[in-house]
Amino acid sequence: MGESLTIEVPNAQDAIAPATEEAERWLEAHEVPTKAIYLALLAIEELVTNCINYGYDDTAEHTIRIEFGLADGAMTMEVVDDGHEFDPLNAPEPDLLVELEDRPVGGLGIHMLRKLADEMAYERVDGKNRVKLVKRSESTE
């Protein structure tokens, strides 16, 4: 089997930092390579922030679940939310040739996740977005 951690994050900006800190402590305690930790922290920041900012039309409390798994030399991470349907794999690639001040805001974080992860998948099941990222340890050296 392997090790696992589940973090439940309410849809509030001030809940992101504690979730990031908990994930970082757990990953470091399990001696996960630095590049995998960086991917995990970036994913929490990007995916959870996007969900909080754009995923809901109401003011009700929603829970965003972050699930980590360590097995067979790989870190897996899945972010599950009940917000609006959003497939980050279909987000347009940013034009990196355009000057920074001329670029539209957004899109760079998702682009970085797609580049850093060894695998990235999305599905919408039972009204929930599920984004899965995989980082294998041999690719983190």
C-alpha atoms as a PDB file:
ATOM      1  CA  MET A   1       0.000   0.000   0.000  1.00  0.00           C
ATOM      2  CA  GLY A   2       1.862   3.196   0.868  1.00  0.00           C
ATOM      3  CA  GLU A   3       1.415   6.322   2.900  1.00  0.00           C
ATOM      4  CA  SER A   4      -1.475   8.738   2.460  1.00  0.00           C
ATOM      5  CA  LEU A   5      -2.723  12.062   3.731  1.00  0.00           C
ATOM      6  CA  THR A   6      -6.052  13.832   3.226  1.00  0.00           C
ATOM      7  CA  ILE A   7      -6.413  17.553   3.890  1.00  0.00           C
ATOM      8  CA  GLU A   8      -9.841  19.176   3.853  1.00  0.00           C
ATOM      9  CA  VAL A   9      -9.769  22.874   3.041  1.00  0.00           C
ATOM     10  CA  PRO A  10     -12.765  25.208   3.414  1.00  0.00           C
ATOM     11  CA  ASN A  11     -13.312  27.574   0.480  1.00  0.00           C
ATOM     12  CA  ALA A  12     -11.612  30.525   2.181  1.00  0.00           C
ATOM     13  CA  GLN A  13      -8.347  32.195   1.182  1.00  0.00           C
ATOM     14  CA  ASP A  14      -6.991  32.078   4.747  1.00  0.00           C
ATOM     15  CA  ALA A  15      -7.275  28.263   4.724  1.00  0.00           C
ATOM     16  CA  ILE A  16      -4.696  27.850   1.948  1.00  0.00           C
ATOM     17  CA  ALA A  17      -1.563  28.622   3.992  1.00  0.00           C
ATOM     18  CA  PRO A  18      -2.337  26.098   6.767  1.00  0.00           C
ATOM     19  CA  ALA A  19      -3.095  23.421   4.147  1.00  0.00           C
ATOM     20  CA  THR A  20       0.179  24.164   2.379  1.00  0.00           C
ATOM     21  CA  GLU A  21       2.109  23.990   5.646  1.00  0.00           C
ATOM     22  CA  GLU A  22       0.505  20.674   6.620  1.00  0.00           C
ATOM     23  CA  ALA A  23       1.267  19.168   3.209  1.00  0.00           C
ATOM     24  CA  GLU A  24       4.865  20.408   3.284  1.00  0.00           C
ATOM     25  CA  ARG A  25       5.480  18.983   6.789  1.00  0.00           C
ATOM     26  CA  TRP A  26       4.044  15.603   5.818  1.00  0.00           C
ATOM     27  CA  LEU A  27       5.935  15.391   2.524  1.00  0.00           C
ATOM     28  CA  GLU A  28       9.229  16.394   4.165  1.00  0.00           C
ATOM     29  CA  ALA A  29       8.681  13.870   6.980  1.00  0.00           C
ATOM     30  CA  HIS A  30       8.327  11.183   4.310  1.00  0.00           C
ATOM     31  CA  GLU A  31      11.492  12.404   2.546  1.00  0.00           C
ATOM     32  CA  VAL A  32       9.708  13.237  -0.674  1.00  0.00           C
ATOM     33  CA  PRO A  33      12.118  14.822  -3.197  1.00  0.00           C
ATOM     34  CA  THR A  34      12.180  18.608  -3.389  1.00  0.00           C
ATOM     35  CA  LYS A  35      10.760  18.824  -6.924  1.00  0.00           C
ATOM     36  CA  ALA A  36       7.736  16.754  -5.930  1.00  0.00           C
ATOM     37  CA  ILE A  37       7.166  18.963  -2.875  1.00  0.00           C
ATOM     38  CA  TYR A  38       7.384  22.057  -5.084  1.00  0.00           C
ATOM     39  CA  LEU A  39       4.781  20.567  -7.452  1.00  0.00           C
ATOM     40  CA  ALA A  40       2.462  19.754  -4.530  1.00  0.00           C
ATOM     41  CA  LEU A  41       2.697  23.233  -3.015  1.00  0.00           C
ATOM     42  CA  LEU A  42       2.197  24.916  -6.382  1.00  0.00           C
ATOM     43  CA  ALA A  43      -0.817  22.693  -7.051  1.00  0.00           C
ATOM     44  CA  ILE A  44      -2.414  23.610  -3.727  1.00  0.00           C
ATOM     45  CA  GLU A  45      -1.833  27.298  -4.391  1.00  0.00           C
ATOM     46  CA  GLU A  46      -3.114  27.209  -7.980  1.00  0.00           C
ATOM     47  CA  LEU A  47      -5.954  24.714  -7.899  1.00  0.00           C
ATOM     48  CA  VAL A  48      -7.404  25.640  -4.518  1.00  0.00           C
ATOM     49  CA  THR A  49      -7.089  29.386  -5.154  1.00  0.00           C
ATOM     50  CA  ASN A  50      -8.772  29.018  -8.565  1.00  0.00           C
ATOM     51  CA  CYS A  51     -11.567  26.978  -7.014  1.00  0.00           C
ATOM     52  CA  ILE A  52     -12.135  29.518  -4.229  1.00  0.00           C
ATOM     53  CA  ASN A  53     -12.018  32.513  -6.589  1.00  0.00           C
ATOM     54  CA  TYR A  54     -14.007  31.128  -9.528  1.00  0.00           C
ATOM     55  CA  GLY A  55     -15.660  27.870  -8.503  1.00  0.00           C
ATOM     56  CA  TYR A  56     -18.693  29.003  -6.554  1.00  0.00           C
ATOM     57  CA  ASP A  57     -21.604  31.383  -7.055  1.00  0.00           C
ATOM     58  CA  ASP A  58     -22.806  31.181  -3.463  1.00  0.00           C
ATOM     59  CA  THR A  59     -21.420  32.147  -0.073  1.00  0.00           C
ATOM     60  CA  ALA A  60     -21.970  28.709   1.483  1.00  0.00           C
ATOM     61  CA  GLU A  61     -19.028  26.818   2.926  1.00  0.00           C
ATOM     62  CA  HIS A  62     -17.625  24.201   0.580  1.00  0.00           C
ATOM     63  CA  THR A  63     -14.846  21.715   1.250  1.00  0.00           C
ATOM     64  CA  ILE A  64     -11.966  21.162  -1.142  1.00  0.00           C
ATOM     65  CA  ARG A  65     -10.256  17.828  -0.518  1.00  0.00           C
ATOM     66  CA  ILE A  66      -6.567  17.260  -1.204  1.00  0.00           C
ATOM     67  CA  GLU A  67      -5.429  13.640  -1.167  1.00  0.00           C
ATOM     68  CA  PHE A  68      -1.770  12.620  -1.233  1.00  0.00           C
ATOM     69  CA  GLY A  69      -0.408   9.153  -1.790  1.00  0.00           C
ATOM     70  CA  LEU A  70       3.135   7.803  -1.717  1.00  0.00           C
ATOM     71  CA  ALA A  71       3.738   4.410  -3.300  1.00  0.00           C
ATOM     72  CA  ASP A  72       5.995   2.713  -5.816  1.00  0.00           C
ATOM     73  CA  GLY A  73       8.413   5.646  -6.013  1.00  0.00           C
ATOM     74  CA  ALA A  74       5.731   8.183  -6.888  1.00  0.00           C
ATOM     75  CA  MET A  75       3.780  10.945  -5.220  1.00  0.00           C
ATOM     76  CA  THR A  76       0.172  11.214  -6.319  1.00  0.00           C
ATOM     77  CA  MET A  77      -2.038  14.115  -5.477  1.00  0.00           C
ATOM     78  CA  GLU A  78      -5.700  14.598  -6.186  1.00  0.00           C
ATOM     79  CA  VAL A  79      -7.670  17.800  -5.642  1.00  0.00           C
ATOM     80  CA  VAL A  80     -11.439  17.306  -5.458  1.00  0.00           C
ATOM     81  CA  ASP A  81     -13.996  20.124  -5.337  1.00  0.00           C
ATOM     82  CA  ASP A  82     -17.683  20.666  -5.989  1.00  0.00           C
ATOM     83  CA  GLY A  83     -17.221  23.953  -7.812  1.00  0.00           C
ATOM     84  CA  HIS A  84     -18.039  24.822 -11.408  1.00  0.00           C
ATOM     85  CA  GLU A  85     -16.691  22.400 -13.957  1.00  0.00           C
ATOM     86  CA  PHE A  86     -13.137  23.369 -14.883  1.00  0.00           C
ATOM     87  CA  ASP A  87     -10.687  21.180 -16.774  1.00  0.00           C
ATOM     88  CA  PRO A  88      -7.189  22.656 -16.393  1.00  0.00           C
ATOM     89  CA  LEU A  89      -5.967  20.429 -19.224  1.00  0.00           C
ATOM     90  CA  ASN A  90      -8.139  22.457 -21.603  1.00  0.00           C
ATOM     91  CA  ALA A  91      -6.902  25.825 -20.352  1.00  0.00           C
ATOM     92  CA  PRO A  92      -5.096  27.667 -23.147  1.00  0.00           C
ATOM     93  CA  GLU A  93      -1.305  27.719 -23.104  1.00  0.00           C
ATOM     94  CA  PRO A  94       0.050  31.159 -22.219  1.00  0.00           C
ATOM     95  CA  ASP A  95       1.978  32.977 -24.934  1.00  0.00           C
ATOM     96  CA  LEU A  96       5.413  33.118 -23.325  1.00  0.00           C
ATOM     97  CA  LEU A  97       6.794  35.237 -26.168  1.00  0.00           C
ATOM     98  CA  VAL A  98       4.610  38.209 -25.276  1.00  0.00           C
ATOM     99  CA  GLU A  99       6.213  40.739 -22.925  1.00  0.00           C
ATOM    100  CA  LEU A 100       5.210  40.196 -19.311  1.00  0.00           C
ATOM    101  CA  GLU A 101       3.389  43.521 -18.991  1.00  0.00           C
ATOM    102  CA  ASP A 102       1.387  42.759 -22.168  1.00  0.00           C
ATOM    103  CA  ARG A 103       0.241  39.272 -21.105  1.00  0.00           C
ATOM    104  CA  PRO A 104      -3.258  38.693 -19.766  1.00  0.00           C
ATOM    105  CA  VAL A 105      -3.430  37.787 -16.081  1.00  0.00           C
ATOM    106  CA  GLY A 106      -3.703  34.078 -15.310  1.00  0.00           C
ATOM    107  CA  GLY A 107      -2.805  30.793 -16.918  1.00  0.00           C
ATOM    108  CA  LEU A 108       0.859  30.614 -15.957  1.00  0.00           C
ATOM    109  CA  GLY A 109       0.322  28.503 -12.815  1.00  0.00           C
ATOM    110  CA  ILE A 110      -1.723  25.864 -14.640  1.00  0.00           C
ATOM    111  CA  HIS A 111       0.904  25.860 -17.399  1.00  0.00           C
ATOM    112  CA  MET A 112       3.628  25.215 -14.808  1.00  0.00           C
ATOM    113  CA  LEU A 113       1.653  22.351 -13.259  1.00  0.00           C
ATOM    114  CA  ARG A 114       1.272  20.687 -16.666  1.00  0.00           C
ATOM    115  CA  LYS A 115       5.015  21.019 -17.291  1.00  0.00           C
ATOM    116  CA  LEU A 116       6.186  19.867 -13.831  1.00  0.00           C
ATOM    117  CA  ALA A 117       3.902  16.858 -13.365  1.00  0.00           C
ATOM    118  CA  ASP A 118       4.805  13.525 -14.928  1.00  0.00           C
ATOM    119  CA  GLU A 119       1.085  12.902 -15.350  1.00  0.00           C
ATOM    120  CA  MET A 120      -1.920  15.154 -15.023  1.00  0.00           C
ATOM    121  CA  ALA A 121      -5.523  14.037 -15.452  1.00  0.00           C
ATOM    122  CA  TYR A 122      -8.954  15.579 -15.004  1.00  0.00           C
ATOM    123  CA  GLU A 123     -12.420  14.139 -14.693  1.00  0.00           C
ATOM    124  CA  ARG A 124     -15.817  15.379 -13.567  1.00  0.00           C
ATOM    125  CA  VAL A 125     -17.647  12.731 -11.531  1.00  0.00           C
ATOM    126  CA  ASP A 126     -20.875  13.158  -9.540  1.00  0.00           C
ATOM    127  CA  GLY A 127     -20.715  16.957  -9.764  1.00  0.00           C
ATOM    128  CA  LYS A 128     -17.085  17.122  -8.615  1.00  0.00           C
ATOM    129  CA  ASN A 129     -13.876  18.175 -10.326  1.00  0.00           C
ATOM    130  CA  ARG A 130     -11.024  15.718  -9.788  1.00  0.00           C
ATOM    131  CA  VAL A 131      -7.539  16.827 -10.807  1.00  0.00           C
ATOM    132  CA  LYS A 132      -4.841  14.210 -10.357  1.00  0.00           C
ATOM    133  CA  LEU A 133      -1.108  14.889 -10.515  1.00  0.00           C
ATOM    134  CA  VAL A 134       1.705  12.341 -10.416  1.00  0.00           C
ATOM    135  CA  LYS A 135       5.410  12.970  -9.816  1.00  0.00           C
ATOM    136  CA  ARG A 136       7.706   9.950  -9.952  1.00  0.00           C
ATOM    137  CA  SER A 137      10.827  10.042  -7.795  1.00  0.00           C
ATOM    138  CA  GLU A 138      13.154   9.114 -10.669  1.00  0.00           C
ATOM    139  CA  SER A 139      12.012  12.262 -12.446  1.00  0.00           C
ATOM    140  CA  THR A 140      12.710  14.458  -9.434  1.00  0.00           C
ATOM    141  CA  GLU A 141      16.488  14.044  -9.340  1.00  0.00           C
END
